[in-house]
Amino acid sequence: MTLRHTPLHDQHLALDAKMADFGGWDMPIEYSGAVAEHGAVRGATGVFDVSHMGYVEVRGAGATEWLNGVLTNDLNRISEGQAQYSMLCDEQGGVIDDLIAYRVTPDALFIIPNAANVNAVVATLQAAAADTAVQVVDASDAYGLLAVQGPNSAELLESLGLPAGHAYMSFGRSSWQGAPVVVARTGYTGELGFEILIPADRTVELWQALLAAGATACGLGARDVLRTEMGYPLHGHELSAEITPVQAAASWAVGWDKPAFRGRDALAAERESGPRRRLRGLLAEGRMIPRAGMAVLNASGNPVGEVTSGTFSPSLGKGIGLALLSPDIAEGDDVVVDIRGRQAPFTVTRPPFVESHVR
């Protein structure tokens, strides 16, 4: 399979980035090292190329009302100029994708789906909109997307003439060096941060300006550590066609009072009866690192679940993980993770593992 490239591919190669396949894209995993890049985001400013993410426009008469009847979260909770985390489910309650919806006008929105799921999201929405006035347009190739994250990110953007004063989960249209941009107060790291949508042919210019202004180039390895420290889900690990929002502790992103959305009946029934497993956090007593797929055992040595994501937390100096566990396993319980035949002790906890600074 031929891997796809973002507009910044040559820039990554010039920086000697370690590259790897991520959802069909050749993406930078690290430049100077995941730990150093993690530190740059927690302590200053890092910039990530996330142009592999999709960009899908939803427009037409009543587009917001229509999309609200499809996605899990309630778009009536936000106003124009705000963004919302939501999910697109199948009728069984499985998650096709978790995404961010941006409300522009009553008749226009755009959504940012995960890279590997763009085609499935577009196909599902287009099929659902077939007999309506709503159009669903995949414009992913037209844009680059840069995530500028860290406690100094607002100051850095302002030094480049970009707006940075808006509230968390809001966005605004602006221009940079004559290029139209959307600057959103969103991110996947738990730090103050922004995501900047810019035409594909101007992405290199903005990337270089951000680096020249002091941002550290960061790869997807650091991004994964940062999101795991916050307990943020990754589709294919904590959410999937087999892992519902109820199981993944994501019921807060479901508009239960809405009369309809895809998968509502199945999710409501699961919520009523109680899920067969729940997503929990795991905190190591030492430096042992859990990895996805490893078995979790109770004090008696009986299997009670499976790790979905795991890493070493530079912030804590300990191994951390997320796991789907039996509902009778509670926060504060002691469990063990089978790490290549070694029984490593962990405490069940509620993420985030480190303090969030997004607000």
Protein backbone atom coordinates (compact mmCIF):
# COMPACT_ATOMS: atom_id res chain seq x y z
CA MET A 1 0.00 0.00 0.00
CA THR A 2 1.26 3.45 -0.91
CA LEU A 3 1.23 5.72 2.12
CA ARG A 4 -0.30 9.16 1.81
CA HIS A 5 1.69 12.32 2.54
CA THR A 6 0.67 15.55 4.24
CA PRO A 7 1.80 18.90 2.77
CA LEU A 8 4.66 18.83 5.31
CA HIS A 9 6.16 15.49 4.36
CA ASP A 10 9.37 16.96 2.95
CA GLN A 11 9.72 19.18 6.02
CA HIS A 12 9.62 16.13 8.29
CA LEU A 13 12.27 14.36 6.23
CA ALA A 14 14.46 17.47 6.31
CA LEU A 15 14.27 17.41 10.12
CA ASP A 16 15.29 13.71 10.16
CA ALA A 17 12.01 12.70 11.73
CA LYS A 18 11.39 9.04 12.43
CA MET A 19 8.48 8.21 10.11
CA ALA A 20 5.89 5.43 10.29
CA ASP A 21 2.53 4.34 8.92
CA PHE A 22 -0.32 5.93 10.86
CA GLY A 23 -3.79 5.26 9.46
CA GLY A 24 -2.40 4.96 5.94
CA TRP A 25 -0.28 8.12 6.21
CA ASP A 26 3.50 8.43 6.43
CA MET A 27 3.69 10.48 9.62
CA PRO A 28 6.45 11.73 11.97
CA ILE A 29 6.64 9.69 15.16
CA GLU A 30 9.45 11.71 16.71
CA TYR A 31 12.16 14.24 15.92
CA SER A 32 14.33 14.84 19.00
CA GLY A 33 12.65 12.06 20.99
CA ALA A 34 9.19 11.59 22.44
CA VAL A 35 10.22 12.47 26.01
CA ALA A 36 11.86 15.75 24.97
CA GLU A 37 8.90 16.64 22.78
CA HIS A 38 6.48 15.79 25.59
CA GLY A 39 8.45 18.17 27.82
CA ALA A 40 8.26 20.93 25.24
CA VAL A 41 4.46 20.73 25.21
CA ARG A 42 4.10 20.51 28.99
CA GLY A 43 6.61 23.32 29.57
CA ALA A 44 6.60 25.65 26.54
CA THR A 45 5.13 25.12 23.05
CA GLY A 46 5.10 22.24 20.62
CA VAL A 47 3.67 22.02 17.12
CA PHE A 48 2.24 18.87 15.56
CA ASP A 49 1.41 18.17 11.94
CA VAL A 50 -2.11 16.73 12.12
CA SER A 51 -2.96 17.37 8.48
CA HIS A 52 -3.83 13.70 8.11
CA MET A 53 -7.06 14.45 9.97
CA GLY A 54 -10.11 14.97 7.80
CA TYR A 55 -12.05 18.13 7.02
CA VAL A 56 -15.70 17.56 6.09
CA GLU A 57 -18.23 20.30 5.36
CA VAL A 58 -21.91 19.81 6.24
CA ARG A 59 -24.07 22.47 4.64
CA GLY A 60 -27.56 23.19 3.40
CA ALA A 61 -30.89 24.27 4.81
CA GLY A 62 -31.21 22.99 8.38
CA ALA A 63 -27.73 21.43 8.42
CA THR A 64 -27.23 21.91 12.17
CA GLU A 65 -30.61 20.44 13.04
CA TRP A 66 -29.99 17.50 10.71
CA LEU A 67 -26.49 16.74 12.04
CA ASN A 68 -27.81 16.99 15.59
CA GLY A 69 -30.10 14.08 14.78
CA VAL A 70 -27.10 11.98 13.71
CA LEU A 71 -24.22 12.65 16.13
CA THR A 72 -24.36 11.68 19.80
CA ASN A 73 -23.73 15.03 21.49
CA ASP A 74 -26.27 17.85 21.48
CA LEU A 75 -25.30 20.65 19.12
CA ASN A 76 -27.92 22.84 20.79
CA ARG A 77 -25.56 23.06 23.77
CA ILE A 78 -23.20 25.26 21.74
CA SER A 79 -23.53 28.42 19.68
CA GLU A 80 -22.07 29.55 16.38
CA GLY A 81 -18.32 29.91 16.70
CA GLN A 82 -18.04 27.01 19.15
CA ALA A 83 -16.83 23.45 18.76
CA GLN A 84 -18.03 20.24 20.36
CA TYR A 85 -16.62 16.77 20.90
CA SER A 86 -19.05 14.15 19.62
CA MET A 87 -19.32 10.68 18.13
CA LEU A 88 -20.86 9.06 15.08
CA CYS A 89 -22.26 5.68 16.05
CA ASP A 90 -23.79 2.77 14.21
CA GLU A 91 -27.25 1.54 15.10
CA GLN A 92 -25.78 -0.95 17.60
CA GLY A 93 -24.07 1.86 19.52
CA GLY A 94 -20.59 1.10 18.25
CA VAL A 95 -18.44 4.13 17.46
CA ILE A 96 -17.65 4.72 13.79
CA ASP A 97 -15.57 7.72 14.84
CA ASP A 98 -15.15 10.31 17.56
CA LEU A 99 -14.77 13.79 16.11
CA ILE A 100 -15.03 17.52 16.66
CA ALA A 101 -18.02 19.39 15.18
CA TYR A 102 -17.66 23.13 14.52
CA ARG A 103 -20.88 25.13 14.36
CA VAL A 104 -20.54 27.98 11.82
CA THR A 105 -24.17 28.95 11.05
CA PRO A 106 -27.49 27.12 11.32
CA ASP A 107 -26.92 25.96 7.75
CA ALA A 108 -23.18 25.28 7.82
CA LEU A 109 -20.80 23.25 9.97
CA PHE A 110 -17.59 21.39 9.49
CA ILE A 111 -16.26 18.35 11.27
CA ILE A 112 -12.74 17.02 11.86
CA PRO A 113 -12.77 13.20 11.86
CA ASN A 114 -9.86 10.90 12.55
CA ALA A 115 -7.63 10.15 9.59
CA ALA A 116 -8.37 6.44 9.27
CA ASN A 117 -12.11 7.00 9.55
CA VAL A 118 -12.69 9.85 7.08
CA ASN A 119 -14.10 7.62 4.34
CA ALA A 120 -16.43 5.79 6.73
CA VAL A 121 -17.66 9.06 8.26
CA VAL A 122 -18.29 10.66 4.87
CA ALA A 123 -20.05 7.58 3.47
CA THR A 124 -22.26 7.25 6.56
CA LEU A 125 -23.24 10.92 6.59
CA GLN A 126 -23.83 11.10 2.85
CA ALA A 127 -26.10 8.06 3.01
CA ALA A 128 -28.03 9.56 5.90
CA ALA A 129 -28.41 12.88 4.04
CA ALA A 130 -29.48 11.34 0.74
CA ASP A 131 -33.10 12.48 0.93
CA THR A 132 -32.46 15.86 2.53
CA ALA A 133 -31.28 19.31 1.48
CA VAL A 134 -28.00 18.75 3.33
CA GLN A 135 -24.72 18.21 1.49
CA VAL A 136 -21.74 16.40 2.99
CA VAL A 137 -18.49 17.33 1.24
CA ASP A 138 -15.06 15.82 1.91
CA ALA A 139 -12.60 18.71 1.48
CA SER A 140 -9.74 17.09 3.43
CA ASP A 141 -7.14 17.46 0.69
CA ALA A 142 -7.65 21.22 0.48
CA TYR A 143 -6.29 21.97 3.95
CA GLY A 144 -3.42 21.46 6.35
CA LEU A 145 -3.96 21.31 10.10
CA LEU A 146 -1.36 22.27 12.71
CA ALA A 147 -1.78 21.76 16.45
CA VAL A 148 0.12 24.35 18.52
CA GLN A 149 0.06 23.20 22.14
CA GLY A 150 1.63 24.28 25.42
CA PRO A 151 1.52 26.99 28.10
CA ASN A 152 3.27 29.51 25.82
CA SER A 153 1.17 28.76 22.74
CA ALA A 154 -1.07 31.84 22.92
CA GLU A 155 1.90 34.18 23.21
CA LEU A 156 3.61 32.47 20.28
CA LEU A 157 0.55 32.75 18.03
CA GLU A 158 0.09 36.40 18.88
CA SER A 159 3.72 37.05 17.94
CA LEU A 160 2.82 35.83 14.44
CA GLY A 161 -0.29 37.98 14.24
CA LEU A 162 -2.70 35.11 14.83
CA PRO A 163 -5.67 35.45 17.22
CA ALA A 164 -5.31 33.59 20.52
CA GLY A 165 -7.71 35.19 22.98
CA HIS A 166 -10.80 33.10 22.43
CA ALA A 167 -12.33 30.68 24.90
CA TYR A 168 -11.79 26.93 25.13
CA MET A 169 -13.70 24.98 22.43
CA SER A 170 -14.35 28.08 20.35
CA PHE A 171 -12.94 29.09 16.98
CA GLY A 172 -12.62 32.09 14.74
CA ARG A 173 -11.83 32.87 11.11
CA SER A 174 -8.86 35.10 10.42
CA SER A 175 -6.02 35.50 7.95
CA TRP A 176 -2.28 34.98 8.11
CA GLN A 177 0.04 36.48 5.51
CA GLY A 178 -2.96 36.73 3.20
CA ALA A 179 -4.08 33.13 3.74
CA PRO A 180 -7.51 32.39 5.25
CA VAL A 181 -7.21 30.43 8.49
CA VAL A 182 -9.45 29.00 11.16
CA VAL A 183 -7.92 29.13 14.64
CA ALA A 184 -9.64 26.83 17.13
CA ARG A 185 -8.99 26.61 20.87
CA THR A 186 -8.86 22.84 20.78
CA GLY A 187 -6.27 20.10 21.15
CA TYR A 188 -5.40 16.60 22.32
CA THR A 189 -2.72 17.24 24.94
CA GLY A 190 -4.40 18.67 28.04
CA GLU A 191 -2.47 21.94 27.67
CA LEU A 192 -3.50 25.38 26.53
CA GLY A 193 -3.48 25.00 22.78
CA PHE A 194 -4.82 25.75 19.35
CA GLU A 195 -5.45 23.97 16.08
CA ILE A 196 -4.99 25.99 12.90
CA LEU A 197 -6.67 25.09 9.64
CA ILE A 198 -4.92 26.60 6.61
CA PRO A 199 -4.98 25.99 2.84
CA ALA A 200 -2.75 23.06 1.94
CA ASP A 201 -0.42 25.16 -0.21
CA ARG A 202 0.34 27.53 2.69
CA THR A 203 0.94 24.89 5.36
CA VAL A 204 4.72 24.75 4.89
CA GLU A 205 5.01 28.51 5.29
CA LEU A 206 3.07 28.51 8.56
CA TRP A 207 4.97 25.47 9.89
CA GLN A 208 8.29 27.19 9.27
CA ALA A 209 7.09 30.40 10.89
CA LEU A 210 5.97 28.52 14.01
CA LEU A 211 9.33 26.79 14.32
CA ALA A 212 11.19 30.07 13.78
CA ALA A 213 9.07 31.65 16.53
CA GLY A 214 10.23 29.00 19.01
CA ALA A 215 7.80 26.07 18.76
CA THR A 216 9.30 22.59 19.00
CA ALA A 217 8.42 20.12 16.25
CA CYS A 218 6.62 17.19 17.89
CA GLY A 219 5.65 13.80 16.55
CA LEU A 220 2.76 11.45 17.13
CA GLY A 221 4.72 9.52 19.75
CA ALA A 222 4.68 12.47 22.14
CA ARG A 223 1.07 13.17 21.22
CA ASP A 224 0.10 9.66 22.28
CA VAL A 225 1.87 10.00 25.63
CA LEU A 226 0.24 13.40 26.23
CA ARG A 227 -3.26 12.17 25.43
CA THR A 228 -2.82 9.05 27.55
CA GLU A 229 -1.77 11.17 30.54
CA MET A 230 -5.09 12.99 30.12
CA GLY A 231 -7.11 9.80 29.64
CA TYR A 232 -8.28 10.94 26.21
CA PRO A 233 -9.58 8.07 24.04
CA LEU A 234 -8.02 6.98 20.76
CA HIS A 235 -10.34 5.39 18.23
CA GLY A 236 -9.41 1.78 17.72
CA HIS A 237 -8.23 1.54 21.33
CA GLU A 238 -10.76 3.08 23.75
CA LEU A 239 -13.56 3.53 21.19
CA SER A 240 -14.50 1.32 18.26
CA ALA A 241 -17.37 -0.52 16.62
CA GLU A 242 -17.12 -2.93 19.57
CA ILE A 243 -16.55 -0.31 22.31
CA THR A 244 -19.50 1.98 22.95
CA PRO A 245 -19.51 5.44 24.55
CA VAL A 246 -21.15 3.93 27.64
CA GLN A 247 -18.34 1.41 28.07
CA ALA A 248 -15.71 4.07 27.35
CA ALA A 249 -16.88 6.45 30.11
CA ALA A 250 -17.90 8.91 27.40
CA SER A 251 -21.59 9.22 28.27
CA TRP A 252 -20.93 12.92 28.93
CA ALA A 253 -20.65 13.31 25.13
CA VAL A 254 -24.11 11.85 24.55
CA GLY A 255 -27.21 14.04 24.41
CA TRP A 256 -29.47 11.63 26.25
CA ASP A 257 -32.38 14.08 26.18
CA LYS A 258 -32.35 14.33 22.39
CA PRO A 259 -35.22 12.47 20.73
CA ALA A 260 -32.97 10.82 18.16
CA PHE A 261 -29.40 10.14 17.08
CA ARG A 262 -27.73 7.13 15.51
CA GLY A 263 -27.47 4.27 18.00
CA ARG A 264 -29.66 5.95 20.60
CA ASP A 265 -31.87 2.95 21.38
CA ALA A 266 -28.96 0.56 21.81
CA LEU A 267 -27.00 2.99 23.96
CA ALA A 268 -30.00 3.84 26.12
CA ALA A 269 -30.61 0.13 26.74
CA GLU A 270 -26.95 -0.43 27.66
CA ARG A 271 -26.98 2.57 29.96
CA GLU A 272 -30.11 1.25 31.69
CA SER A 273 -28.83 -2.30 32.17
CA GLY A 274 -25.23 -1.29 32.87
CA PRO A 275 -22.28 -1.98 30.58
CA ARG A 276 -20.43 -5.29 30.75
CA ARG A 277 -17.13 -3.40 31.04
CA ARG A 278 -15.96 0.10 31.88
CA LEU A 279 -12.92 2.14 30.92
CA ARG A 280 -10.62 2.85 33.86
CA GLY A 281 -7.16 4.23 34.43
CA LEU A 282 -4.22 2.16 35.66
CA LEU A 283 -1.34 3.66 37.64
CA ALA A 284 1.78 1.56 38.14
CA GLU A 285 3.51 1.26 41.50
CA GLY A 286 6.79 1.50 39.61
CA ARG A 287 8.14 1.96 36.10
CA MET A 288 6.56 -1.09 34.48
CA ILE A 289 4.76 -0.10 31.30
CA PRO A 290 1.44 -1.65 30.28
CA ARG A 291 0.69 -2.07 26.59
CA ALA A 292 -2.50 -2.52 24.60
CA GLY A 293 -3.77 -6.09 24.64
CA MET A 294 -2.19 -7.09 27.95
CA ALA A 295 -4.42 -8.93 30.41
CA VAL A 296 -5.52 -7.32 33.68
CA LEU A 297 -6.01 -9.65 36.65
CA ASN A 298 -7.59 -9.18 40.06
CA ALA A 299 -5.93 -10.01 43.37
CA SER A 300 -6.96 -13.67 42.98
CA GLY A 301 -5.28 -13.92 39.60
CA ASN A 302 -8.50 -14.04 37.61
CA PRO A 303 -8.79 -12.04 34.35
CA VAL A 304 -10.91 -8.91 34.77
CA GLY A 305 -10.11 -6.98 31.61
CA GLU A 306 -7.60 -5.81 29.06
CA VAL A 307 -5.30 -2.82 28.58
CA THR A 308 -6.37 -0.59 25.69
CA SER A 309 -3.49 1.93 25.84
CA GLY A 310 -0.36 2.15 27.92
CA THR A 311 2.81 4.20 28.15
CA PHE A 312 5.46 5.60 30.47
CA SER A 313 4.43 8.98 31.87
CA PRO A 314 7.38 11.40 31.96
CA SER A 315 5.29 13.68 34.17
CA LEU A 316 4.88 11.04 36.86
CA GLY A 317 7.89 8.81 36.28
CA LYS A 318 5.54 5.81 36.26
CA GLY A 319 3.74 3.52 33.88
CA ILE A 320 0.12 4.43 33.15
CA GLY A 321 -2.62 2.86 31.12
CA LEU A 322 -6.25 2.75 30.14
CA ALA A 323 -8.15 -0.52 30.37
CA LEU A 324 -11.60 -1.95 29.86
CA LEU A 325 -12.40 -3.71 33.13
CA SER A 326 -15.22 -5.68 34.65
CA PRO A 327 -17.78 -3.30 36.21
CA ASP A 328 -17.17 -4.79 39.67
CA ILE A 329 -13.62 -3.39 39.62
CA ALA A 330 -13.70 0.01 41.32
CA GLU A 331 -11.40 3.00 41.59
CA GLY A 332 -8.79 2.36 44.25
CA ASP A 333 -8.72 -1.40 43.67
CA ASP A 334 -5.38 -3.14 43.28
CA VAL A 335 -4.91 -5.20 40.12
CA VAL A 336 -1.99 -6.69 38.23
CA VAL A 337 -1.09 -6.50 34.56
CA ASP A 338 0.53 -9.48 32.91
CA ILE A 339 3.55 -7.81 31.28
CA ARG A 340 5.27 -10.54 29.28
CA GLY A 341 4.74 -13.07 32.05
CA ARG A 342 5.55 -10.71 34.92
CA GLN A 343 2.77 -9.73 37.30
CA ALA A 344 3.09 -5.95 37.66
CA PRO A 345 0.97 -4.22 40.35
CA PHE A 346 -1.29 -1.30 39.40
CA THR A 347 -3.94 0.79 41.12
CA VAL A 348 -7.23 1.47 39.36
CA THR A 349 -7.77 5.22 39.12
CA ARG A 350 -9.77 7.86 37.31
CA PRO A 351 -7.95 9.86 34.62
CA PRO A 352 -6.54 12.37 34.04
CA PHE A 353 -3.25 11.22 35.50
CA VAL A 354 -1.89 14.80 35.45
CA GLU A 355 -3.64 18.14 35.83
CA SER A 356 -5.41 19.52 32.78
CA HIS A 357 -4.67 23.09 31.70
CA VAL A 358 -7.03 23.36 28.74
CA ARG A 359 -9.43 25.87 30.30
